[in-house]
Amino acid sequence: MEKALSNKKIIALFLLPGLIVFLVFYFVPIVMTAYYSLQDWDGINPMAFIGLDNYTKMFTADKSFWQAVWNSLAFLLVGVLIQLPVSFGLALLVSRRMKGRKWFRNIYFFPVVMSTTMVSLLWVKIYDPNIGMLNTLMETLGLGAWTGAWLGDTKTALLSVLIVTTWHYVGYNMLILFAGMQGIPEQYYEAAKLDGATGWKAVRHITFPLLSDVLRICIVLNVIYALKTFESVYVMTNGGPLNSTTVIALKMFQEAFLKQNFGYGSALAVFMVLECLVISWVLNKVLTQEKIEY
């Protein structure tokens, strides 16, 4: 067996089926999508080659495209700059030895096990301007002047959806970070305590450095989720009002499958692929660092 595993030709033979599956189900569709993006095609009639017209339209004539790019970026920034720090804080709290920490951990994680569609429908009811719990609560607290149609107003719709996605996935990051914290030996904190490093100092000099690999994974997961955000926006607002909450994935779906403009929808898909590649490259450059050992 060891002799077989040392033979590069045999190893290549074992890897070949996986490579074929990858090429057929990942690489070929991307190439086909790039080809469709150069066509004027409604999915039924014969295609007509139009070169880069779809890309020219996307970058110069389609105003909602840039709105979708900004909204996707907003999901990314909120996921990394707000959702992750909140998750880290909660992970620190539930990792402390206190009564009821398992109960708190389960409560924070509970939204994650709910489907995105279910969570979105739940919050649509909460945001409802007539029967929603949010407006009723604000009126009870004397904040009636602040009530409104949260998902129907261009000023509040995007923020309302961002709050829901943060609430939905904060427990997911919290559980990953909590698991990482449990892997840090207690002796490090005891040694730091003898040197006078407690509280925030211990978090800064022990927890952060030793949790860097886990934090990197969480950042990548948050970025991936932000770039493929679709269900929550589709269910809660369908991109409205006035495209104020639309994202690239939703716009691609609307163009390709609702307007039957497969050529333009494919151009948006190609943009998403390139966007993911560029952001992945930037993340690898920024987050790559030497492993820290104590």
Protein backbone atom coordinates (compact mmCIF):
# COMPACT_ATOMS: atom_id res chain seq x y z
CA MET A 1 0.00 0.00 0.00
CA GLU A 2 2.80 2.40 0.92
CA LYS A 3 4.52 1.58 -2.37
CA ALA A 4 1.32 2.36 -4.28
CA LEU A 5 0.83 5.68 -2.45
CA SER A 6 4.41 6.71 -3.29
CA ASN A 7 3.71 6.27 -7.01
CA LYS A 8 2.61 9.63 -8.44
CA LYS A 9 0.86 8.00 -11.41
CA ILE A 10 -1.37 5.90 -9.12
CA ILE A 11 -2.14 8.98 -6.97
CA ALA A 12 -3.07 10.91 -10.12
CA LEU A 13 -5.32 8.01 -11.20
CA PHE A 14 -7.19 8.17 -7.87
CA LEU A 15 -7.59 11.95 -8.17
CA LEU A 16 -8.80 11.81 -11.78
CA PRO A 17 -12.52 11.00 -11.04
CA GLY A 18 -12.76 13.91 -8.62
CA LEU A 19 -11.10 16.23 -11.13
CA ILE A 20 -13.54 15.16 -13.86
CA VAL A 21 -16.54 15.77 -11.56
CA PHE A 22 -15.13 19.21 -10.64
CA LEU A 23 -14.61 20.17 -14.27
CA VAL A 24 -18.06 18.95 -15.37
CA PHE A 25 -20.11 20.47 -12.56
CA TYR A 26 -18.07 23.60 -11.71
CA PHE A 27 -15.72 24.69 -14.47
CA VAL A 28 -17.89 23.88 -17.52
CA PRO A 29 -20.97 25.79 -16.22
CA ILE A 30 -18.78 28.84 -15.56
CA VAL A 31 -17.41 28.71 -19.11
CA MET A 32 -20.93 28.24 -20.54
CA THR A 33 -22.22 31.18 -18.47
CA ALA A 34 -19.39 33.37 -19.80
CA TYR A 35 -20.39 32.32 -23.34
CA TYR A 36 -24.08 33.11 -22.73
CA SER A 37 -23.11 36.54 -21.38
CA LEU A 38 -21.96 37.49 -24.87
CA GLN A 39 -25.34 36.63 -26.39
CA ASP A 40 -28.76 38.23 -26.67
CA TRP A 41 -30.88 35.25 -25.62
CA ASP A 42 -34.33 34.81 -24.06
CA GLY A 43 -33.81 31.10 -23.39
CA ILE A 44 -36.16 30.01 -26.22
CA ASN A 45 -35.27 31.66 -29.51
CA PRO A 46 -31.82 31.29 -31.16
CA MET A 47 -29.00 33.27 -29.61
CA ALA A 48 -27.59 36.40 -31.25
CA PHE A 49 -23.94 37.30 -30.59
CA ILE A 50 -23.67 40.86 -29.27
CA GLY A 51 -20.13 40.88 -27.90
CA LEU A 52 -19.67 42.94 -24.73
CA ASP A 53 -22.98 44.82 -25.02
CA ASN A 54 -24.39 43.15 -21.90
CA TYR A 55 -21.34 44.29 -19.89
CA THR A 56 -21.55 47.81 -21.35
CA LYS A 57 -25.22 47.96 -20.34
CA MET A 58 -24.39 46.63 -16.88
CA PHE A 59 -21.68 49.19 -16.10
CA THR A 60 -23.10 52.27 -17.88
CA ALA A 61 -26.87 52.09 -18.41
CA ASP A 62 -28.27 49.94 -15.58
CA LYS A 63 -28.50 52.19 -12.51
CA SER A 64 -29.94 49.42 -10.34
CA PHE A 65 -26.74 47.41 -10.90
CA TRP A 66 -24.62 49.81 -8.86
CA GLN A 67 -27.31 49.90 -6.20
CA ALA A 68 -27.11 46.09 -6.05
CA VAL A 69 -23.30 46.23 -5.81
CA TRP A 70 -23.50 48.70 -2.92
CA ASN A 71 -26.14 46.61 -1.13
CA SER A 72 -24.02 43.45 -1.49
CA LEU A 73 -21.08 45.41 -0.08
CA ALA A 74 -23.28 46.57 2.80
CA PHE A 75 -24.12 42.93 3.65
CA LEU A 76 -20.39 42.12 3.55
CA LEU A 77 -19.36 45.04 5.78
CA VAL A 78 -22.12 44.43 8.32
CA GLY A 79 -21.24 40.72 8.43
CA VAL A 80 -17.55 41.38 9.11
CA LEU A 81 -17.59 44.64 11.09
CA ILE A 82 -20.76 44.22 13.18
CA GLN A 83 -21.94 40.62 13.18
CA LEU A 84 -18.50 39.14 13.91
CA PRO A 85 -17.62 41.46 16.85
CA VAL A 86 -21.07 40.83 18.37
CA SER A 87 -20.52 37.08 17.96
CA PHE A 88 -17.08 37.38 19.58
CA GLY A 89 -18.56 39.24 22.56
CA LEU A 90 -21.29 36.65 23.01
CA ALA A 91 -18.74 33.82 22.71
CA LEU A 92 -16.68 35.46 25.47
CA LEU A 93 -19.76 35.73 27.69
CA VAL A 94 -20.93 32.13 27.25
CA SER A 95 -17.39 30.80 27.69
CA ARG A 96 -17.25 32.18 31.24
CA ARG A 97 -18.06 29.88 34.11
CA MET A 98 -21.47 31.10 35.13
CA LYS A 99 -24.89 29.66 35.78
CA GLY A 100 -27.09 29.15 32.75
CA ARG A 101 -24.35 29.57 30.13
CA LYS A 102 -25.58 26.47 28.24
CA TRP A 103 -29.06 27.96 28.19
CA PHE A 104 -27.78 31.28 26.83
CA ARG A 105 -25.67 29.45 24.24
CA ASN A 106 -28.69 27.50 22.99
CA ILE A 107 -30.85 30.64 22.89
CA TYR A 108 -28.30 32.56 20.81
CA PHE A 109 -27.83 29.59 18.46
CA PHE A 110 -31.54 28.83 18.04
CA PRO A 111 -32.16 31.25 15.09
CA VAL A 112 -29.44 29.46 13.09
CA VAL A 113 -31.40 26.20 12.98
CA MET A 114 -34.39 28.01 11.49
CA SER A 115 -34.56 28.23 7.70
CA THR A 116 -33.89 31.60 6.08
CA THR A 117 -37.38 31.63 4.61
CA MET A 118 -38.98 31.01 8.01
CA VAL A 119 -36.90 33.73 9.67
CA SER A 120 -37.68 36.19 6.87
CA LEU A 121 -41.44 35.53 7.07
CA LEU A 122 -41.30 35.89 10.85
CA TRP A 123 -39.65 39.32 10.60
CA VAL A 124 -42.01 40.43 7.84
CA LYS A 125 -44.79 40.02 10.41
CA ILE A 126 -42.74 41.81 13.09
CA TYR A 127 -42.05 44.75 10.73
CA ASP A 128 -45.66 44.92 9.50
CA PRO A 129 -46.76 48.58 9.87
CA ASN A 130 -50.34 47.65 10.89
CA ILE A 131 -50.15 44.48 13.00
CA GLY A 132 -46.39 44.20 13.55
CA MET A 133 -44.94 43.76 17.02
CA LEU A 134 -42.21 46.38 16.49
CA ASN A 135 -44.53 49.32 15.90
CA THR A 136 -46.79 48.18 18.74
CA LEU A 137 -43.82 47.98 21.11
CA MET A 138 -42.57 51.43 20.10
CA GLU A 139 -46.00 52.97 20.62
CA THR A 140 -46.16 51.33 24.05
CA LEU A 141 -42.79 52.88 24.93
CA GLY A 142 -43.95 56.31 23.78
CA LEU A 143 -41.93 56.22 20.57
CA GLY A 144 -44.94 56.37 18.25
CA ALA A 145 -43.32 59.12 16.18
CA TRP A 146 -40.64 56.65 15.09
CA THR A 147 -43.00 53.96 13.83
CA GLY A 148 -43.27 53.35 10.11
CA ALA A 149 -43.37 50.92 7.22
CA TRP A 150 -39.92 49.48 7.87
CA LEU A 151 -39.76 47.33 4.74
CA GLY A 152 -41.74 49.73 2.57
CA ASP A 153 -39.58 52.82 3.09
CA THR A 154 -36.41 53.25 1.01
CA LYS A 155 -34.69 54.84 4.03
CA THR A 156 -35.22 51.88 6.37
CA ALA A 157 -35.72 48.81 4.16
CA LEU A 158 -32.05 47.85 3.74
CA LEU A 159 -31.23 48.43 7.41
CA SER A 160 -34.24 46.32 8.40
CA VAL A 161 -33.05 43.39 6.28
CA LEU A 162 -29.47 43.75 7.57
CA ILE A 163 -30.73 43.55 11.16
CA VAL A 164 -32.55 40.31 10.36
CA THR A 165 -29.52 38.67 8.74
CA THR A 166 -27.34 39.73 11.67
CA TRP A 167 -29.85 38.30 14.16
CA HIS A 168 -30.10 35.09 12.15
CA TYR A 169 -26.39 34.28 11.86
CA VAL A 170 -24.77 35.85 14.91
CA GLY A 171 -25.23 32.57 16.80
CA TYR A 172 -23.46 30.62 14.07
CA ASN A 173 -20.27 32.66 14.38
CA MET A 174 -20.64 32.65 18.16
CA LEU A 175 -20.62 28.84 18.27
CA ILE A 176 -17.50 28.60 16.06
CA LEU A 177 -15.66 31.18 18.16
CA PHE A 178 -16.83 29.54 21.40
CA ALA A 179 -15.45 26.18 20.20
CA GLY A 180 -12.15 27.89 19.36
CA MET A 181 -11.99 29.49 22.83
CA GLN A 182 -12.51 26.11 24.48
CA GLY A 183 -9.35 24.90 22.72
CA ILE A 184 -7.13 27.54 24.40
CA PRO A 185 -5.36 25.95 27.40
CA GLU A 186 -6.43 27.42 30.73
CA GLN A 187 -2.77 27.54 31.83
CA TYR A 188 -2.14 30.48 29.51
CA TYR A 189 -4.76 32.58 31.29
CA GLU A 190 -3.43 31.50 34.71
CA ALA A 191 0.14 32.46 33.72
CA ALA A 192 -1.11 35.79 32.33
CA LYS A 193 -3.02 36.41 35.56
CA LEU A 194 0.22 36.03 37.55
CA ASP A 195 1.75 38.68 35.28
CA GLY A 196 -1.19 41.00 35.90
CA ALA A 197 -2.89 40.47 32.52
CA THR A 198 -6.58 39.98 33.21
CA GLY A 199 -9.84 41.01 31.54
CA TRP A 200 -9.33 42.86 28.26
CA LYS A 201 -5.53 42.43 28.43
CA ALA A 202 -5.93 38.65 28.51
CA VAL A 203 -8.37 38.80 25.60
CA ARG A 204 -6.04 41.02 23.59
CA HIS A 205 -2.78 39.13 24.23
CA ILE A 206 -4.04 35.53 24.50
CA THR A 207 -7.54 35.03 23.08
CA PHE A 208 -7.14 37.13 19.93
CA PRO A 209 -3.76 35.74 18.81
CA LEU A 210 -4.64 32.10 19.51
CA LEU A 211 -8.05 32.50 17.90
CA SER A 212 -6.70 34.09 14.71
CA ASP A 213 -7.23 30.96 12.57
CA VAL A 214 -10.84 30.65 13.76
CA LEU A 215 -11.47 34.36 13.19
CA ARG A 216 -10.10 33.99 9.67
CA ILE A 217 -12.56 31.17 8.97
CA CYS A 218 -15.44 33.24 10.35
CA ILE A 219 -14.49 36.21 8.15
CA VAL A 220 -14.38 34.02 5.05
CA LEU A 221 -17.76 32.45 5.92
CA ASN A 222 -19.31 35.89 6.47
CA VAL A 223 -17.98 37.16 3.15
CA ILE A 224 -19.29 34.07 1.33
CA TYR A 225 -22.73 34.48 2.89
CA ALA A 226 -22.80 38.21 2.05
CA LEU A 227 -21.94 37.62 -1.61
CA LYS A 228 -24.60 34.95 -2.06
CA THR A 229 -27.36 36.68 -0.09
CA PHE A 230 -30.64 35.97 -1.83
CA GLU A 231 -33.41 34.29 0.17
CA SER A 232 -33.85 36.88 2.91
CA VAL A 233 -34.05 39.80 0.45
CA TYR A 234 -36.30 37.86 -1.94
CA VAL A 235 -38.78 36.92 0.79
CA MET A 236 -38.81 40.21 2.72
CA THR A 237 -38.72 42.85 -0.01
CA ASN A 238 -38.05 41.19 -3.39
CA GLY A 239 -35.45 43.90 -3.89
CA GLY A 240 -37.80 46.82 -3.29
CA PRO A 241 -38.85 49.43 -2.66
CA LEU A 242 -37.30 51.07 -5.76
CA ASN A 243 -34.41 48.55 -5.79
CA SER A 244 -33.22 49.88 -2.41
CA THR A 245 -32.57 46.33 -1.10
CA THR A 246 -31.73 44.45 -4.29
CA VAL A 247 -28.46 42.48 -4.38
CA ILE A 248 -26.48 41.01 -7.27
CA ALA A 249 -27.76 37.44 -6.79
CA LEU A 250 -31.39 38.61 -6.73
CA LYS A 251 -30.92 40.86 -9.75
CA MET A 252 -29.36 37.98 -11.67
CA PHE A 253 -32.37 35.78 -10.83
CA GLN A 254 -34.84 38.48 -11.85
CA GLU A 255 -33.11 39.17 -15.18
CA ALA A 256 -32.60 35.53 -16.16
CA PHE A 257 -35.73 33.79 -14.90
CA LEU A 258 -38.41 36.48 -14.58
CA LYS A 259 -37.52 38.76 -17.51
CA GLN A 260 -36.08 35.84 -19.54
CA ASN A 261 -33.01 37.92 -20.37
CA PHE A 262 -30.53 35.07 -20.00
CA GLY A 263 -27.70 36.92 -21.72
CA TYR A 264 -27.75 39.84 -19.29
CA GLY A 265 -28.39 37.51 -16.34
CA SER A 266 -25.30 35.51 -17.35
CA ALA A 267 -23.25 38.72 -17.47
CA LEU A 268 -24.32 39.44 -13.88
CA ALA A 269 -23.33 35.87 -12.92
CA VAL A 270 -19.88 36.36 -14.47
CA PHE A 271 -19.52 39.59 -12.48
CA MET A 272 -20.36 37.66 -9.29
CA VAL A 273 -17.70 35.04 -10.06
CA LEU A 274 -15.05 37.69 -10.71
CA GLU A 275 -16.15 39.59 -7.59
CA CYS A 276 -15.72 36.42 -5.49
CA LEU A 277 -12.29 35.70 -7.00
CA VAL A 278 -11.03 39.23 -6.34
CA ILE A 279 -12.33 39.30 -2.76
CA SER A 280 -10.92 35.80 -2.10
CA TRP A 281 -7.52 36.94 -3.36
CA VAL A 282 -7.63 40.05 -1.17
CA LEU A 283 -8.65 37.99 1.88
CA ASN A 284 -5.81 35.53 1.32
CA LYS A 285 -3.33 38.41 1.08
CA VAL A 286 -4.67 40.30 4.09
CA LEU A 287 -5.38 37.39 6.44
CA THR A 288 -2.32 35.24 5.76
CA GLN A 289 0.10 35.42 8.67
CA GLU A 290 2.54 33.24 10.53
CA LYS A 291 1.11 30.85 13.09
CA ILE A 292 1.49 32.12 16.68
CA GLU A 293 2.71 29.70 19.35
CA TYR A 294 3.28 30.24 23.06
